[in-house]
Amino acid sequence: MYDKDELCRKIKDIYPDIGECGIDVNVDYDDDKKTWIVDLKKDNHELKTHLEPEDAETCMLGKQCIGLGIQIAQLKDNILKT
């Protein structure tokens, strides 16, 4: 299994616009819920989403994480509206 730093780096590799937009990403595993928590932040905007282990595995294989991509797009949209 991989650790949170590896997953975080992979997410940034797959979605390079996270850095371009200045969006900070933090990843932690929730042992109780058995899921990854991805926290996206920029200024006063924050969005937390869950990434199921099988989706995280897809990300680690270098494929897009569809649910996470939607969340990133939503956060970017919210930032642009303000």
PDB file of N, CA and C in Angstrom:
ATOM      1  N   MET A   1       0.848  -1.188   0.000  1.00  0.00           N
ATOM      2  CA  MET A   1       0.000   0.000   0.000  1.00  0.00           C
ATOM      3  C   MET A   1       0.887   1.243   0.000  1.00  0.00           C
ATOM      4  N   TYR A   2       0.364   2.310  -0.443  1.00  0.00           N
ATOM      5  CA  TYR A   2       1.073   3.571  -0.543  1.00  0.00           C
ATOM      6  C   TYR A   2       0.708   4.453   0.644  1.00  0.00           C
ATOM      7  N   ASP A   3       1.481   5.522   0.848  1.00  0.00           N
ATOM      8  CA  ASP A   3       1.171   6.421   1.955  1.00  0.00           C
ATOM      9  C   ASP A   3       0.541   7.712   1.428  1.00  0.00           C
ATOM     10  N   LYS A   4       0.139   8.567   2.350  1.00  0.00           N
ATOM     11  CA  LYS A   4      -0.591   9.782   1.978  1.00  0.00           C
ATOM     12  C   LYS A   4       0.255  10.732   1.142  1.00  0.00           C
ATOM     13  N   ASP A   5       1.572  10.781   1.382  1.00  0.00           N
ATOM     14  CA  ASP A   5       2.427  11.660   0.598  1.00  0.00           C
ATOM     15  C   ASP A   5       2.510  11.200  -0.856  1.00  0.00           C
ATOM     16  N   GLU A   6       2.590   9.892  -1.059  1.00  0.00           N
ATOM     17  CA  GLU A   6       2.621   9.353  -2.419  1.00  0.00           C
ATOM     18  C   GLU A   6       1.321   9.665  -3.155  1.00  0.00           C
ATOM     19  N   LEU A   7       0.193   9.471  -2.470  1.00  0.00           N
ATOM     20  CA  LEU A   7      -1.106   9.750  -3.090  1.00  0.00           C
ATOM     21  C   LEU A   7      -1.243  11.237  -3.397  1.00  0.00           C
ATOM     22  N   CYS A   8      -0.816  12.073  -2.494  1.00  0.00           N
ATOM     23  CA  CYS A   8      -0.892  13.520  -2.699  1.00  0.00           C
ATOM     24  C   CYS A   8      -0.051  13.933  -3.914  1.00  0.00           C
ATOM     25  N   ARG A   9       1.160  13.415  -4.032  1.00  0.00           N
ATOM     26  CA  ARG A   9       2.020  13.721  -5.184  1.00  0.00           C
ATOM     27  C   ARG A   9       1.370  13.248  -6.487  1.00  0.00           C
ATOM     28  N   LYS A  10       0.767  12.080  -6.448  1.00  0.00           N
ATOM     29  CA  LYS A  10       0.131  11.533  -7.653  1.00  0.00           C
ATOM     30  C   LYS A  10      -1.058  12.400  -8.073  1.00  0.00           C
ATOM     31  N   ILE A  11      -1.850  12.844  -7.107  1.00  0.00           N
ATOM     32  CA  ILE A  11      -2.989  13.720  -7.422  1.00  0.00           C
ATOM     33  C   ILE A  11      -2.480  15.000  -8.090  1.00  0.00           C
ATOM     34  N   LYS A  12      -1.397  15.564  -7.563  1.00  0.00           N
ATOM     35  CA  LYS A  12      -0.831  16.780  -8.155  1.00  0.00           C
ATOM     36  C   LYS A  12      -0.280  16.518  -9.546  1.00  0.00           C
ATOM     37  N   ASP A  13       0.259  15.314  -9.767  1.00  0.00           N
ATOM     38  CA  ASP A  13       0.745  14.952 -11.108  1.00  0.00           C
ATOM     39  C   ASP A  13      -0.406  14.848 -12.100  1.00  0.00           C
ATOM     40  N   ILE A  14      -1.499  14.210 -11.677  1.00  0.00           N
ATOM     41  CA  ILE A  14      -2.645  14.009 -12.564  1.00  0.00           C
ATOM     42  C   ILE A  14      -3.381  15.320 -12.824  1.00  0.00           C
ATOM     43  N   TYR A  15      -3.451  16.170 -11.802  1.00  0.00           N
ATOM     44  CA  TYR A  15      -4.159  17.448 -11.901  1.00  0.00           C
ATOM     45  C   TYR A  15      -3.182  18.601 -11.678  1.00  0.00           C
ATOM     46  N   PRO A  16      -2.337  18.901 -12.659  1.00  0.00           N
ATOM     47  CA  PRO A  16      -1.330  19.952 -12.472  1.00  0.00           C
ATOM     48  C   PRO A  16      -1.932  21.338 -12.264  1.00  0.00           C
ATOM     49  N   ASP A  17      -3.187  21.531 -12.647  1.00  0.00           N
ATOM     50  CA  ASP A  17      -3.800  22.840 -12.452  1.00  0.00           C
ATOM     51  C   ASP A  17      -4.041  23.149 -10.978  1.00  0.00           C
ATOM     52  N   ILE A  18      -3.929  22.150 -10.101  1.00  0.00           N
ATOM     53  CA  ILE A  18      -4.048  22.420  -8.664  1.00  0.00           C
ATOM     54  C   ILE A  18      -2.979  23.427  -8.261  1.00  0.00           C
ATOM     55  N   GLY A  19      -1.750  23.190  -8.659  1.00  0.00           N
ATOM     56  CA  GLY A  19      -0.663  24.110  -8.336  1.00  0.00           C
ATOM     57  C   GLY A  19      -0.789  25.440  -9.046  1.00  0.00           C
ATOM     58  N   GLU A  20      -1.207  25.401 -10.310  1.00  0.00           N
ATOM     59  CA  GLU A  20      -1.354  26.627 -11.081  1.00  0.00           C
ATOM     60  C   GLU A  20      -2.393  27.551 -10.469  1.00  0.00           C
ATOM     61  N   CYS A  21      -3.443  26.975  -9.928  1.00  0.00           N
ATOM     62  CA  CYS A  21      -4.513  27.785  -9.325  1.00  0.00           C
ATOM     63  C   CYS A  21      -4.185  28.164  -7.886  1.00  0.00           C
ATOM     64  N   GLY A  22      -3.112  27.624  -7.349  1.00  0.00           N
ATOM     65  CA  GLY A  22      -2.762  27.891  -5.964  1.00  0.00           C
ATOM     66  C   GLY A  22      -3.617  27.114  -4.984  1.00  0.00           C
ATOM     67  N   ILE A  23      -4.205  26.028  -5.432  1.00  0.00           N
ATOM     68  CA  ILE A  23      -5.023  25.201  -4.562  1.00  0.00           C
ATOM     69  C   ILE A  23      -4.115  24.260  -3.785  1.00  0.00           C
ATOM     70  N   ASP A  24      -4.223  24.291  -2.462  1.00  0.00           N
ATOM     71  CA  ASP A  24      -3.472  23.375  -1.617  1.00  0.00           C
ATOM     72  C   ASP A  24      -4.254  22.078  -1.488  1.00  0.00           C
ATOM     73  N   VAL A  25      -3.549  20.979  -1.501  1.00  0.00           N
ATOM     74  CA  VAL A  25      -4.195  19.678  -1.352  1.00  0.00           C
ATOM     75  C   VAL A  25      -3.527  18.937  -0.201  1.00  0.00           C
ATOM     76  N   ASN A  26      -4.353  18.340   0.642  1.00  0.00           N
ATOM     77  CA  ASN A  26      -3.874  17.539   1.753  1.00  0.00           C
ATOM     78  C   ASN A  26      -4.664  16.235   1.750  1.00  0.00           C
ATOM     79  N   VAL A  27      -3.973  15.144   2.023  1.00  0.00           N
ATOM     80  CA  VAL A  27      -4.590  13.829   1.977  1.00  0.00           C
ATOM     81  C   VAL A  27      -4.332  13.097   3.292  1.00  0.00           C
ATOM     82  N   ASP A  28      -5.373  12.496   3.851  1.00  0.00           N
ATOM     83  CA  ASP A  28      -5.251  11.669   5.057  1.00  0.00           C
ATOM     84  C   ASP A  28      -6.169  10.466   4.928  1.00  0.00           C
ATOM     85  N   TYR A  29      -5.772   9.375   5.548  1.00  0.00           N
ATOM     86  CA  TYR A  29      -6.598   8.175   5.536  1.00  0.00           C
ATOM     87  C   TYR A  29      -7.427   8.130   6.809  1.00  0.00           C
ATOM     88  N   ASP A  30      -8.722   7.907   6.679  1.00  0.00           N
ATOM     89  CA  ASP A  30      -9.627   7.777   7.814  1.00  0.00           C
ATOM     90  C   ASP A  30      -9.812   6.289   8.092  1.00  0.00           C
ATOM     91  N   ASP A  31      -9.166   5.812   9.156  1.00  0.00           N
ATOM     92  CA  ASP A  31      -9.224   4.381   9.498  1.00  0.00           C
ATOM     93  C   ASP A  31     -10.636   3.921   9.825  1.00  0.00           C
ATOM     94  N   ASP A  32     -11.418   4.781  10.467  1.00  0.00           N
ATOM     95  CA  ASP A  32     -12.785   4.401  10.836  1.00  0.00           C
ATOM     96  C   ASP A  32     -13.675   4.204   9.611  1.00  0.00           C
ATOM     97  N   LYS A  33     -13.563   5.123   8.658  1.00  0.00           N
ATOM     98  CA  LYS A  33     -14.410   5.064   7.460  1.00  0.00           C
ATOM     99  C   LYS A  33     -13.769   4.269   6.329  1.00  0.00           C
ATOM    100  N   LYS A  34     -12.500   3.909   6.502  1.00  0.00           N
ATOM    101  CA  LYS A  34     -11.761   3.141   5.479  1.00  0.00           C
ATOM    102  C   LYS A  34     -11.771   3.857   4.124  1.00  0.00           C
ATOM    103  N   THR A  35     -11.483   5.147   4.169  1.00  0.00           N
ATOM    104  CA  THR A  35     -11.458   5.968   2.955  1.00  0.00           C
ATOM    105  C   THR A  35     -10.417   7.065   3.102  1.00  0.00           C
ATOM    106  N   TRP A  36      -9.960   7.584   1.973  1.00  0.00           N
ATOM    107  CA  TRP A  36      -9.054   8.708   1.968  1.00  0.00           C
ATOM    108  C   TRP A  36      -9.865   9.995   2.004  1.00  0.00           C
ATOM    109  N   ILE A  37      -9.402  10.963   2.772  1.00  0.00           N
ATOM    110  CA  ILE A  37     -10.021  12.286   2.823  1.00  0.00           C
ATOM    111  C   ILE A  37      -9.086  13.236   2.090  1.00  0.00           C
ATOM    112  N   VAL A  38      -9.608  13.870   1.050  1.00  0.00           N
ATOM    113  CA  VAL A  38      -8.823  14.830   0.279  1.00  0.00           C
ATOM    114  C   VAL A  38      -9.373  16.213   0.599  1.00  0.00           C
ATOM    115  N   ASP A  39      -8.507  17.076   1.099  1.00  0.00           N
ATOM    116  CA  ASP A  39      -8.881  18.425   1.517  1.00  0.00           C
ATOM    117  C   ASP A  39      -8.250  19.417   0.545  1.00  0.00           C
ATOM    118  N   LEU A  40      -9.092  20.158  -0.164  1.00  0.00           N
ATOM    119  CA  LEU A  40      -8.638  21.161  -1.129  1.00  0.00           C
ATOM    120  C   LEU A  40      -8.919  22.545  -0.557  1.00  0.00           C
ATOM    121  N   LYS A  41      -7.906  23.412  -0.571  1.00  0.00           N
ATOM    122  CA  LYS A  41      -8.076  24.751   0.001  1.00  0.00           C
ATOM    123  C   LYS A  41      -7.447  25.808  -0.891  1.00  0.00           C
ATOM    124  N   LYS A  42      -8.108  26.937  -0.933  1.00  0.00           N
ATOM    125  CA  LYS A  42      -7.522  28.141  -1.516  1.00  0.00           C
ATOM    126  C   LYS A  42      -8.173  29.333  -0.847  1.00  0.00           C
ATOM    127  N   ASP A  43      -7.350  30.167  -0.249  1.00  0.00           N
ATOM    128  CA  ASP A  43      -7.823  31.338   0.486  1.00  0.00           C
ATOM    129  C   ASP A  43      -8.885  30.909   1.504  1.00  0.00           C
ATOM    130  N   ASN A  44     -10.087  31.484   1.430  1.00  0.00           N
ATOM    131  CA  ASN A  44     -11.135  31.119   2.389  1.00  0.00           C
ATOM    132  C   ASN A  44     -12.061  30.027   1.857  1.00  0.00           C
ATOM    133  N   HIS A  45     -11.706  29.427   0.726  1.00  0.00           N
ATOM    134  CA  HIS A  45     -12.493  28.343   0.137  1.00  0.00           C
ATOM    135  C   HIS A  45     -11.880  27.002   0.545  1.00  0.00           C
ATOM    136  N   GLU A  46     -12.749  26.075   0.915  1.00  0.00           N
ATOM    137  CA  GLU A  46     -12.274  24.742   1.278  1.00  0.00           C
ATOM    138  C   GLU A  46     -13.303  23.716   0.839  1.00  0.00           C
ATOM    139  N   LEU A  47     -12.802  22.597   0.369  1.00  0.00           N
ATOM    140  CA  LEU A  47     -13.668  21.513  -0.063  1.00  0.00           C
ATOM    141  C   LEU A  47     -13.029  20.199   0.354  1.00  0.00           C
ATOM    142  N   LYS A  48     -13.764  19.408   1.103  1.00  0.00           N
ATOM    143  CA  LYS A  48     -13.284  18.088   1.500  1.00  0.00           C
ATOM    144  C   LYS A  48     -14.093  17.044   0.758  1.00  0.00           C
ATOM    145  N   THR A  49     -13.403  16.038   0.294  1.00  0.00           N
ATOM    146  CA  THR A  49     -14.073  14.957  -0.411  1.00  0.00           C
ATOM    147  C   THR A  49     -13.452  13.632  -0.007  1.00  0.00           C
ATOM    148  N   HIS A  50     -14.205  12.581  -0.193  1.00  0.00           N
ATOM    149  CA  HIS A  50     -13.724  11.233   0.119  1.00  0.00           C
ATOM    150  C   HIS A  50     -13.231  10.586  -1.165  1.00  0.00           C
ATOM    151  N   LEU A  51     -12.188   9.822  -1.051  1.00  0.00           N
ATOM    152  CA  LEU A  51     -11.648   9.072  -2.180  1.00  0.00           C
ATOM    153  C   LEU A  51     -11.562   7.619  -1.729  1.00  0.00           C
ATOM    154  N   GLU A  52     -12.425   6.801  -2.291  1.00  0.00           N
ATOM    155  CA  GLU A  52     -12.465   5.388  -1.911  1.00  0.00           C
ATOM    156  C   GLU A  52     -11.136   4.717  -2.277  1.00  0.00           C
ATOM    157  N   PRO A  53     -10.739   3.695  -1.515  1.00  0.00           N
ATOM    158  CA  PRO A  53      -9.456   3.027  -1.786  1.00  0.00           C
ATOM    159  C   PRO A  53      -9.295   2.555  -3.228  1.00  0.00           C
ATOM    160  N   GLU A  54     -10.368   2.047  -3.838  1.00  0.00           N
ATOM    161  CA  GLU A  54     -10.239   1.603  -5.229  1.00  0.00           C
ATOM    162  C   GLU A  54     -10.034   2.776  -6.180  1.00  0.00           C
ATOM    163  N   ASP A  55     -10.635   3.944  -5.860  1.00  0.00           N
ATOM    164  CA  ASP A  55     -10.409   5.138  -6.667  1.00  0.00           C
ATOM    165  C   ASP A  55      -8.986   5.660  -6.464  1.00  0.00           C
ATOM    166  N   ALA A  56      -8.503   5.583  -5.234  1.00  0.00           N
ATOM    167  CA  ALA A  56      -7.126   5.990  -4.945  1.00  0.00           C
ATOM    168  C   ALA A  56      -6.152   5.094  -5.707  1.00  0.00           C
ATOM    169  N   GLU A  57      -6.465   3.810  -5.774  1.00  0.00           N
ATOM    170  CA  GLU A  57      -5.615   2.873  -6.512  1.00  0.00           C
ATOM    171  C   GLU A  57      -5.575   3.238  -7.996  1.00  0.00           C
ATOM    172  N   THR A  58      -6.723   3.629  -8.553  1.00  0.00           N
ATOM    173  CA  THR A  58      -6.780   4.073  -9.943  1.00  0.00           C
ATOM    174  C   THR A  58      -5.885   5.294 -10.148  1.00  0.00           C
ATOM    175  N   CYS A  59      -5.936   6.213  -9.193  1.00  0.00           N
ATOM    176  CA  CYS A  59      -5.074   7.396  -9.267  1.00  0.00           C
ATOM    177  C   CYS A  59      -3.606   6.995  -9.245  1.00  0.00           C
ATOM    178  N   MET A  60      -3.267   6.081  -8.362  1.00  0.00           N
ATOM    179  CA  MET A  60      -1.873   5.654  -8.227  1.00  0.00           C
ATOM    180  C   MET A  60      -1.375   4.972  -9.501  1.00  0.00           C
ATOM    181  N   LEU A  61      -2.280   4.404 -10.270  1.00  0.00           N
ATOM    182  CA  LEU A  61      -1.908   3.780 -11.543  1.00  0.00           C
ATOM    183  C   LEU A  61      -1.760   4.818 -12.660  1.00  0.00           C
ATOM    184  N   GLY A  62      -1.989   6.092 -12.313  1.00  0.00           N
ATOM    185  CA  GLY A  62      -1.805   7.166 -13.284  1.00  0.00           C
ATOM    186  C   GLY A  62      -3.035   7.513 -14.083  1.00  0.00           C
ATOM    187  N   LYS A  63      -4.178   6.974 -13.672  1.00  0.00           N
ATOM    188  CA  LYS A  63      -5.428   7.275 -14.365  1.00  0.00           C
ATOM    189  C   LYS A  63      -6.161   8.378 -13.619  1.00  0.00           C
ATOM    190  N   GLN A  64      -7.070   9.032 -14.283  1.00  0.00           N
ATOM    191  CA  GLN A  64      -7.790  10.128 -13.649  1.00  0.00           C
ATOM    192  C   GLN A  64      -8.737   9.622 -12.572  1.00  0.00           C
ATOM    193  N   CYS A  65      -8.853  10.390 -11.543  1.00  0.00           N
ATOM    194  CA  CYS A  65      -9.801  10.113 -10.460  1.00  0.00           C
ATOM    195  C   CYS A  65     -11.028  10.965 -10.768  1.00  0.00           C
ATOM    196  N   ILE A  66     -12.044  10.368 -11.339  1.00  0.00           N
ATOM    197  CA  ILE A  66     -13.199  11.108 -11.849  1.00  0.00           C
ATOM    198  C   ILE A  66     -13.870  11.940 -10.764  1.00  0.00           C
ATOM    199  N   GLY A  67     -14.195  11.320  -9.634  1.00  0.00           N
ATOM    200  CA  GLY A  67     -14.864  12.046  -8.553  1.00  0.00           C
ATOM    201  C   GLY A  67     -14.033  13.209  -8.051  1.00  0.00           C
ATOM    202  N   LEU A  68     -12.741  12.989  -7.909  1.00  0.00           N
ATOM    203  CA  LEU A  68     -11.853  14.044  -7.435  1.00  0.00           C
ATOM    204  C   LEU A  68     -11.756  15.164  -8.463  1.00  0.00           C
ATOM    205  N   GLY A  69     -11.719  14.806  -9.727  1.00  0.00           N
ATOM    206  CA  GLY A  69     -11.681  15.816 -10.783  1.00  0.00           C
ATOM    207  C   GLY A  69     -12.900  16.721 -10.748  1.00  0.00           C
ATOM    208  N   ILE A  70     -14.053  16.149 -10.475  1.00  0.00           N
ATOM    209  CA  ILE A  70     -15.290  16.934 -10.362  1.00  0.00           C
ATOM    210  C   ILE A  70     -15.199  17.889  -9.175  1.00  0.00           C
ATOM    211  N   GLN A  71     -14.668  17.406  -8.055  1.00  0.00           N
ATOM    212  CA  GLN A  71     -14.536  18.247  -6.865  1.00  0.00           C
ATOM    213  C   GLN A  71     -13.556  19.399  -7.110  1.00  0.00           C
ATOM    214  N   ILE A  72     -12.452  19.110  -7.794  1.00  0.00           N
ATOM    215  CA  ILE A  72     -11.474  20.152  -8.101  1.00  0.00           C
ATOM    216  C   ILE A  72     -12.113  21.211  -9.001  1.00  0.00           C
ATOM    217  N   ALA A  73     -12.860  20.772 -10.005  1.00  0.00           N
ATOM    218  CA  ALA A  73     -13.546  21.704 -10.900  1.00  0.00           C
ATOM    219  C   ALA A  73     -14.553  22.550 -10.129  1.00  0.00           C
ATOM    220  N   GLN A  74     -15.261  21.952  -9.170  1.00  0.00           N
ATOM    221  CA  GLN A  74     -16.237  22.688  -8.367  1.00  0.00           C
ATOM    222  C   GLN A  74     -15.548  23.752  -7.520  1.00  0.00           C
ATOM    223  N   LEU A  75     -14.428  23.386  -6.890  1.00  0.00           N
ATOM    224  CA  LEU A  75     -13.707  24.353  -6.074  1.00  0.00           C
ATOM    225  C   LEU A  75     -13.189  25.503  -6.944  1.00  0.00           C
ATOM    226  N   LYS A  76     -12.635  25.193  -8.106  1.00  0.00           N
ATOM    227  CA  LYS A  76     -12.149  26.241  -9.002  1.00  0.00           C
ATOM    228  C   LYS A  76     -13.290  27.155  -9.414  1.00  0.00           C
ATOM    229  N   ASP A  77     -14.463  26.584  -9.700  1.00  0.00           N
ATOM    230  CA  ASP A  77     -15.631  27.364 -10.085  1.00  0.00           C
ATOM    231  C   ASP A  77     -16.049  28.302  -8.952  1.00  0.00           C
ATOM    232  N   ASN A  78     -16.066  27.785  -7.721  1.00  0.00           N
ATOM    233  CA  ASN A  78     -16.431  28.606  -6.569  1.00  0.00           C
ATOM    234  C   ASN A  78     -15.447  29.757  -6.363  1.00  0.00           C
ATOM    235  N   ILE A  79     -14.171  29.496  -6.606  1.00  0.00           N
ATOM    236  CA  ILE A  79     -13.147  30.532  -6.445  1.00  0.00           C
ATOM    237  C   ILE A  79     -13.335  31.622  -7.492  1.00  0.00           C
ATOM    238  N   LEU A  80     -13.626  31.238  -8.718  1.00  0.00           N
ATOM    239  CA  LEU A  80     -13.779  32.203  -9.798  1.00  0.00           C
ATOM    240  C   LEU A  80     -15.014  33.084  -9.620  1.00  0.00           C
ATOM    241  N   LYS A  81     -16.013  32.584  -8.917  1.00  0.00           N
ATOM    242  CA  LYS A  81     -17.261  33.337  -8.710  1.00  0.00           C
ATOM    243  C   LYS A  81     -17.076  34.465  -7.703  1.00  0.00           C
ATOM    244  N   THR A  82     -16.035  34.391  -6.880  1.00  0.00           N
ATOM    245  CA  THR A  82     -15.874  35.423  -5.839  1.00  0.00           C
ATOM    246  C   THR A  82     -14.918  36.496  -6.251  1.00  0.00           C
TER     247      THR A  82
END
